[in-house]
Structure formats: structure tokens, C-alpha cells
Amino acid sequence: MAMNTRKPFYIWLVALVWAVVCWASFYHPGDEYMLWAMGSVPGLWAVLWHGNQGDIHGFLLPVLGAGAVTMLLLGLILDLMRVSRGWFFVAWPVVGVALFSAVMVFADHPLQRSHTVTDGLISYSLAAINVALCFTIVFGLVGTLCGWAVAKAARILKRRQEDRLHPQTVKS
């Protein structure tokens, strides 16, 4: 039986995309860096041990480092679980567009808090990309686990049905 080896894919993609978007979002932070913080959730745990008080600019490198490590680990888990790449690349933009659209429709004048409309659109887009990436990772992991559970249950039910249809003879 040949072992099916698959090259690592998510481990580098997820960490690289997240880090680049997080860095860009820091320079287009939205209203008082809140959009940057929302998209940087995987790395915000580094702020707890940073000790920097009052200067947001000192948080960028620790958050990038901690978030990259977190995303590398999540990417490794996605690779090990063999989460469908096709599904991932369909779900991620759909979730991103849904988040961006929801903010534009339901928020109270979201673009008025930015310096310019363009800066506001960039801020919200970058935050939507990273938040959607995190949601898609969670959905992918949960969906894959649920798929495994359903497949296992189907195998058990099939085995039980076969045992009922073809009972084995017991030798005395």
C-alpha cells in the first residue's frame, strides 16, 4: 500500500497571507486600530506579555510574530487533516465578501470614521480578509471533523447491515 504524501500547502499560505494582510492593516487601521485588532486576533496574545503601555506602534512586531506562529500551527493542522483546498478557496472569499458587505450595510456610517473613503474601504477590506481567513480555518477544521464522524458512522452502519444480511455461521 503506497502512502499518499501531500506537500505542505496551508502551513505557508495561511501564515504568509495573514502576516502580509496584518502588516498592511496596521498602516490602514480603521477607527483607532480596532479593525487592525480584529484581523490580528491570532497574534494579540503577544500583547499580554509585551509590557508596552500607550504606544500602539510597539505592538506590530510582537503581534506579527505571535500571529505567524499561531497561523503556522493552524496551517499545519489544516495540512495534516487534509482540508479540501477547493472548498477553502471558495469559502474564504465568500465569507470575506459577506463580512465586508455586512459592515457596509449594517454599520452606522462606517466610512465617515476614516480619513478618506479609499482609506476606509482599504481598512475594512483588509480586516474582512483576515477575519474571513480565521473563520474559514475554523469552518474547515470543524467541517472536516464532522465529515470524518459522518464517514465513520456510515461505515459502522454498513458493517452492521452486512452482518444482519450475511450472518456468519458459528462452528460448534
C-alpha atoms as a PDB file:
ATOM      1  CA  MET A   1       0.000   0.000   0.000  1.00  0.00           C
ATOM      2  CA  ALA A   2       1.604   3.240  -1.143  1.00  0.00           C
ATOM      3  CA  MET A   3       1.421   6.135   1.240  1.00  0.00           C
ATOM      4  CA  ASN A   4      -0.296   9.183  -0.210  1.00  0.00           C
ATOM      5  CA  THR A   5       2.016  12.090   0.529  1.00  0.00           C
ATOM      6  CA  ARG A   6       0.811  15.603   0.050  1.00  0.00           C
ATOM      7  CA  LYS A   7       3.092  18.609   0.071  1.00  0.00           C
ATOM      8  CA  PRO A   8       2.501  21.181   2.794  1.00  0.00           C
ATOM      9  CA  PHE A   9       0.231  23.858   1.445  1.00  0.00           C
ATOM     10  CA  TYR A  10      -1.752  25.591   4.141  1.00  0.00           C
ATOM     11  CA  ILE A  11       1.137  25.911   6.579  1.00  0.00           C
ATOM     12  CA  TRP A  12       2.888  28.525   4.438  1.00  0.00           C
ATOM     13  CA  LEU A  13      -0.091  30.050   2.654  1.00  0.00           C
ATOM     14  CA  VAL A  14      -2.144  30.793   5.754  1.00  0.00           C
ATOM     15  CA  ALA A  15       0.752  32.260   7.740  1.00  0.00           C
ATOM     16  CA  LEU A  16       2.091  34.343   4.852  1.00  0.00           C
ATOM     17  CA  VAL A  17      -1.274  35.768   3.805  1.00  0.00           C
ATOM     18  CA  TRP A  18      -2.231  36.536   7.384  1.00  0.00           C
ATOM     19  CA  ALA A  19       1.094  38.274   8.139  1.00  0.00           C
ATOM     20  CA  VAL A  20       1.065  40.399   4.962  1.00  0.00           C
ATOM     21  CA  VAL A  21      -2.551  41.469   5.471  1.00  0.00           C
ATOM     22  CA  CYS A  22      -1.926  42.148   9.184  1.00  0.00           C
ATOM     23  CA  TRP A  23       1.079  44.325   8.343  1.00  0.00           C
ATOM     24  CA  ALA A  24      -0.869  46.236   5.665  1.00  0.00           C
ATOM     25  CA  SER A  25      -3.823  46.607   8.006  1.00  0.00           C
ATOM     26  CA  PHE A  26      -1.586  48.201  10.623  1.00  0.00           C
ATOM     27  CA  TYR A  27      -0.943  51.063   8.211  1.00  0.00           C
ATOM     28  CA  HIS A  28      -4.659  51.258   7.307  1.00  0.00           C
ATOM     29  CA  PRO A  29      -6.041  50.572  10.793  1.00  0.00           C
ATOM     30  CA  GLY A  30      -9.526  51.982  10.542  1.00  0.00           C
ATOM     31  CA  ASP A  31     -11.085  53.699  13.546  1.00  0.00           C
ATOM     32  CA  GLU A  32      -8.498  53.774  16.361  1.00  0.00           C
ATOM     33  CA  TYR A  33      -6.817  50.496  15.272  1.00  0.00           C
ATOM     34  CA  MET A  34      -9.939  48.450  16.005  1.00  0.00           C
ATOM     35  CA  LEU A  35     -10.081  46.927  12.520  1.00  0.00           C
ATOM     36  CA  TRP A  36      -6.410  46.010  12.779  1.00  0.00           C
ATOM     37  CA  ALA A  37      -7.048  44.371  16.159  1.00  0.00           C
ATOM     38  CA  MET A  38      -9.993  42.383  14.772  1.00  0.00           C
ATOM     39  CA  GLY A  39      -7.902  40.991  11.935  1.00  0.00           C
ATOM     40  CA  SER A  40      -4.936  40.371  14.238  1.00  0.00           C
ATOM     41  CA  VAL A  41      -6.688  38.172  16.778  1.00  0.00           C
ATOM     42  CA  PRO A  42      -4.343  35.175  16.233  1.00  0.00           C
ATOM     43  CA  GLY A  43      -1.392  37.286  17.382  1.00  0.00           C
ATOM     44  CA  LEU A  44      -2.951  39.504  20.029  1.00  0.00           C
ATOM     45  CA  TRP A  45      -1.967  37.095  22.790  1.00  0.00           C
ATOM     46  CA  ALA A  46       1.583  38.501  22.487  1.00  0.00           C
ATOM     47  CA  VAL A  47       0.325  41.853  23.785  1.00  0.00           C
ATOM     48  CA  LEU A  48      -0.287  40.273  27.206  1.00  0.00           C
ATOM     49  CA  TRP A  49       3.455  39.805  27.774  1.00  0.00           C
ATOM     50  CA  HIS A  50       4.756  42.775  25.822  1.00  0.00           C
ATOM     51  CA  GLY A  51       4.673  45.384  28.579  1.00  0.00           C
ATOM     52  CA  ASN A  52       4.310  48.276  26.136  1.00  0.00           C
ATOM     53  CA  GLN A  53       1.921  50.847  27.517  1.00  0.00           C
ATOM     54  CA  GLY A  54       0.394  53.591  25.457  1.00  0.00           C
ATOM     55  CA  ASP A  55       2.257  53.235  22.142  1.00  0.00           C
ATOM     56  CA  ILE A  56       0.412  51.091  19.613  1.00  0.00           C
ATOM     57  CA  HIS A  57       3.376  51.093  17.230  1.00  0.00           C
ATOM     58  CA  GLY A  58       5.357  48.873  19.593  1.00  0.00           C
ATOM     59  CA  PHE A  59       2.765  46.115  19.201  1.00  0.00           C
ATOM     60  CA  LEU A  60       3.209  45.440  15.481  1.00  0.00           C
ATOM     61  CA  LEU A  61       6.245  43.129  15.581  1.00  0.00           C
ATOM     62  CA  PRO A  62       5.166  41.049  18.615  1.00  0.00           C
ATOM     63  CA  VAL A  63       1.672  40.594  17.158  1.00  0.00           C
ATOM     64  CA  LEU A  64       3.097  39.685  13.738  1.00  0.00           C
ATOM     65  CA  GLY A  65       5.486  37.148  15.277  1.00  0.00           C
ATOM     66  CA  ALA A  66       2.950  35.551  17.587  1.00  0.00           C
ATOM     67  CA  GLY A  67       0.265  35.520  14.910  1.00  0.00           C
ATOM     68  CA  ALA A  68       2.609  33.973  12.351  1.00  0.00           C
ATOM     69  CA  VAL A  69       3.433  31.163  14.794  1.00  0.00           C
ATOM     70  CA  THR A  70      -0.263  30.644  15.541  1.00  0.00           C
ATOM     71  CA  MET A  71      -1.149  30.605  11.852  1.00  0.00           C
ATOM     72  CA  LEU A  72       1.741  28.238  11.052  1.00  0.00           C
ATOM     73  CA  LEU A  73       0.340  25.805  13.606  1.00  0.00           C
ATOM     74  CA  LEU A  74      -3.188  26.162  12.244  1.00  0.00           C
ATOM     75  CA  GLY A  75      -1.871  25.682   8.711  1.00  0.00           C
ATOM     76  CA  LEU A  76      -0.052  22.543   9.816  1.00  0.00           C
ATOM     77  CA  ILE A  77      -3.270  21.206  11.326  1.00  0.00           C
ATOM     78  CA  LEU A  78      -5.149  22.011   8.101  1.00  0.00           C
ATOM     79  CA  ASP A  79      -2.486  20.139   6.115  1.00  0.00           C
ATOM     80  CA  LEU A  80      -2.482  17.145   8.466  1.00  0.00           C
ATOM     81  CA  MET A  81      -6.274  16.945   8.394  1.00  0.00           C
ATOM     82  CA  ARG A  82      -6.218  17.291   4.599  1.00  0.00           C
ATOM     83  CA  VAL A  83      -8.853  20.003   4.484  1.00  0.00           C
ATOM     84  CA  SER A  84     -10.157  20.411   0.938  1.00  0.00           C
ATOM     85  CA  ARG A  85      -8.302  23.144  -0.932  1.00  0.00           C
ATOM     86  CA  GLY A  86     -11.150  23.690  -3.354  1.00  0.00           C
ATOM     87  CA  TRP A  87     -13.606  24.226  -0.541  1.00  0.00           C
ATOM     88  CA  PHE A  88     -11.194  26.562   1.251  1.00  0.00           C
ATOM     89  CA  PHE A  89     -10.698  28.815  -1.773  1.00  0.00           C
ATOM     90  CA  VAL A  90     -14.424  29.068  -2.349  1.00  0.00           C
ATOM     91  CA  ALA A  91     -15.389  29.621   1.291  1.00  0.00           C
ATOM     92  CA  TRP A  92     -12.717  32.202   2.134  1.00  0.00           C
ATOM     93  CA  PRO A  93     -13.762  34.857  -0.432  1.00  0.00           C
ATOM     94  CA  VAL A  94     -17.455  34.174   0.171  1.00  0.00           C
ATOM     95  CA  VAL A  95     -17.028  34.734   3.923  1.00  0.00           C
ATOM     96  CA  GLY A  96     -14.843  37.801   3.280  1.00  0.00           C
ATOM     97  CA  VAL A  97     -17.370  39.420   0.950  1.00  0.00           C
ATOM     98  CA  ALA A  98     -20.187  38.603   3.379  1.00  0.00           C
ATOM     99  CA  LEU A  99     -18.334  40.226   6.280  1.00  0.00           C
ATOM    100  CA  PHE A 100     -17.397  43.300   4.246  1.00  0.00           C
ATOM    101  CA  SER A 101     -20.962  43.663   2.924  1.00  0.00           C
ATOM    102  CA  ALA A 102     -22.478  43.239   6.373  1.00  0.00           C
ATOM    103  CA  VAL A 103     -20.325  46.025   7.771  1.00  0.00           C
ATOM    104  CA  MET A 104     -21.095  48.349   4.868  1.00  0.00           C
ATOM    105  CA  VAL A 105     -24.834  47.684   5.132  1.00  0.00           C
ATOM    106  CA  PHE A 106     -25.383  47.485   8.894  1.00  0.00           C
ATOM    107  CA  ALA A 107     -22.706  49.733  10.432  1.00  0.00           C
ATOM    108  CA  ASP A 108     -23.561  53.317  11.191  1.00  0.00           C
ATOM    109  CA  HIS A 109     -21.655  55.303   8.530  1.00  0.00           C
ATOM    110  CA  PRO A 110     -18.526  53.126   8.548  1.00  0.00           C
ATOM    111  CA  LEU A 111     -16.541  55.155   6.014  1.00  0.00           C
ATOM    112  CA  GLN A 112     -17.044  58.502   7.770  1.00  0.00           C
ATOM    113  CA  ARG A 113     -14.637  57.479  10.533  1.00  0.00           C
ATOM    114  CA  SER A 114     -11.734  57.125   8.097  1.00  0.00           C
ATOM    115  CA  HIS A 115      -9.584  59.921   6.709  1.00  0.00           C
ATOM    116  CA  THR A 116     -10.768  59.234   3.164  1.00  0.00           C
ATOM    117  CA  VAL A 117     -13.291  56.904   1.576  1.00  0.00           C
ATOM    118  CA  THR A 118     -10.461  54.998  -0.111  1.00  0.00           C
ATOM    119  CA  ASP A 119      -8.636  54.515   3.191  1.00  0.00           C
ATOM    120  CA  GLY A 120     -11.872  53.326   4.776  1.00  0.00           C
ATOM    121  CA  LEU A 121     -12.506  50.809   2.015  1.00  0.00           C
ATOM    122  CA  ILE A 122      -8.932  49.522   2.307  1.00  0.00           C
ATOM    123  CA  SER A 123      -9.219  49.261   6.110  1.00  0.00           C
ATOM    124  CA  TYR A 124     -12.478  47.336   6.009  1.00  0.00           C
ATOM    125  CA  SER A 125     -11.286  45.122   3.158  1.00  0.00           C
ATOM    126  CA  LEU A 126      -8.071  44.134   4.946  1.00  0.00           C
ATOM    127  CA  ALA A 127      -9.918  43.411   8.185  1.00  0.00           C
ATOM    128  CA  ALA A 128     -12.501  41.338   6.280  1.00  0.00           C
ATOM    129  CA  ILE A 129      -9.755  39.310   4.572  1.00  0.00           C
ATOM    130  CA  ASN A 130      -8.062  38.331   7.845  1.00  0.00           C
ATOM    131  CA  VAL A 131     -11.248  37.770   9.842  1.00  0.00           C
ATOM    132  CA  ALA A 132     -12.643  35.673   6.977  1.00  0.00           C
ATOM    133  CA  LEU A 133      -9.387  33.692   6.914  1.00  0.00           C
ATOM    134  CA  CYS A 134      -9.768  32.881  10.618  1.00  0.00           C
ATOM    135  CA  PHE A 135     -13.453  31.953  10.231  1.00  0.00           C
ATOM    136  CA  THR A 136     -12.687  29.786   7.194  1.00  0.00           C
ATOM    137  CA  ILE A 137      -9.974  27.937   9.099  1.00  0.00           C
ATOM    138  CA  VAL A 138     -12.382  27.206  11.939  1.00  0.00           C
ATOM    139  CA  PHE A 139     -15.137  26.169   9.498  1.00  0.00           C
ATOM    140  CA  GLY A 140     -12.672  23.955   7.627  1.00  0.00           C
ATOM    141  CA  LEU A 141     -11.488  22.215  10.776  1.00  0.00           C
ATOM    142  CA  VAL A 142     -14.986  21.697  12.160  1.00  0.00           C
ATOM    143  CA  GLY A 143     -16.349  20.641   8.771  1.00  0.00           C
ATOM    144  CA  THR A 144     -13.552  18.120   8.270  1.00  0.00           C
ATOM    145  CA  LEU A 145     -14.099  16.661  11.740  1.00  0.00           C
ATOM    146  CA  CYS A 146     -17.833  16.414  11.080  1.00  0.00           C
ATOM    147  CA  GLY A 147     -17.124  14.747   7.734  1.00  0.00           C
ATOM    148  CA  TRP A 148     -14.889  12.206   9.447  1.00  0.00           C
ATOM    149  CA  ALA A 149     -17.603  11.489  12.031  1.00  0.00           C
ATOM    150  CA  VAL A 150     -20.268  11.010   9.363  1.00  0.00           C
ATOM    151  CA  ALA A 151     -17.990   8.727   7.312  1.00  0.00           C
ATOM    152  CA  LYS A 152     -17.171   6.654  10.423  1.00  0.00           C
ATOM    153  CA  ALA A 153     -20.869   6.370  11.314  1.00  0.00           C
ATOM    154  CA  ALA A 154     -21.679   5.317   7.741  1.00  0.00           C
ATOM    155  CA  ARG A 155     -19.005   2.591   7.853  1.00  0.00           C
ATOM    156  CA  ILE A 156     -20.342   1.287  11.171  1.00  0.00           C
ATOM    157  CA  LEU A 157     -23.932   1.241   9.881  1.00  0.00           C
ATOM    158  CA  LYS A 158     -22.845  -0.504   6.670  1.00  0.00           C
ATOM    159  CA  ARG A 159     -20.947  -3.153   8.655  1.00  0.00           C
ATOM    160  CA  ARG A 160     -23.959  -3.759  10.905  1.00  0.00           C
ATOM    161  CA  GLN A 161     -26.263  -4.049   7.921  1.00  0.00           C
ATOM    162  CA  GLU A 162     -23.924  -6.529   6.223  1.00  0.00           C
ATOM    163  CA  ASP A 163     -23.750  -8.580   9.425  1.00  0.00           C
ATOM    164  CA  ARG A 164     -27.554  -8.783   9.509  1.00  0.00           C
ATOM    165  CA  LEU A 165     -27.817  -9.790   5.845  1.00  0.00           C
ATOM    166  CA  HIS A 166     -24.969 -12.315   5.945  1.00  0.00           C
ATOM    167  CA  PRO A 167     -24.723 -13.780   9.447  1.00  0.00           C
ATOM    168  CA  GLN A 168     -21.602 -15.827   9.885  1.00  0.00           C
ATOM    169  CA  THR A 169     -22.086 -19.439  10.790  1.00  0.00           C
ATOM    170  CA  VAL A 170     -20.875 -20.341  14.225  1.00  0.00           C
ATOM    171  CA  LYS A 171     -18.867 -23.569  14.397  1.00  0.00           C
ATOM    172  CA  SER A 172     -19.587 -25.767  17.366  1.00  0.00           C
END
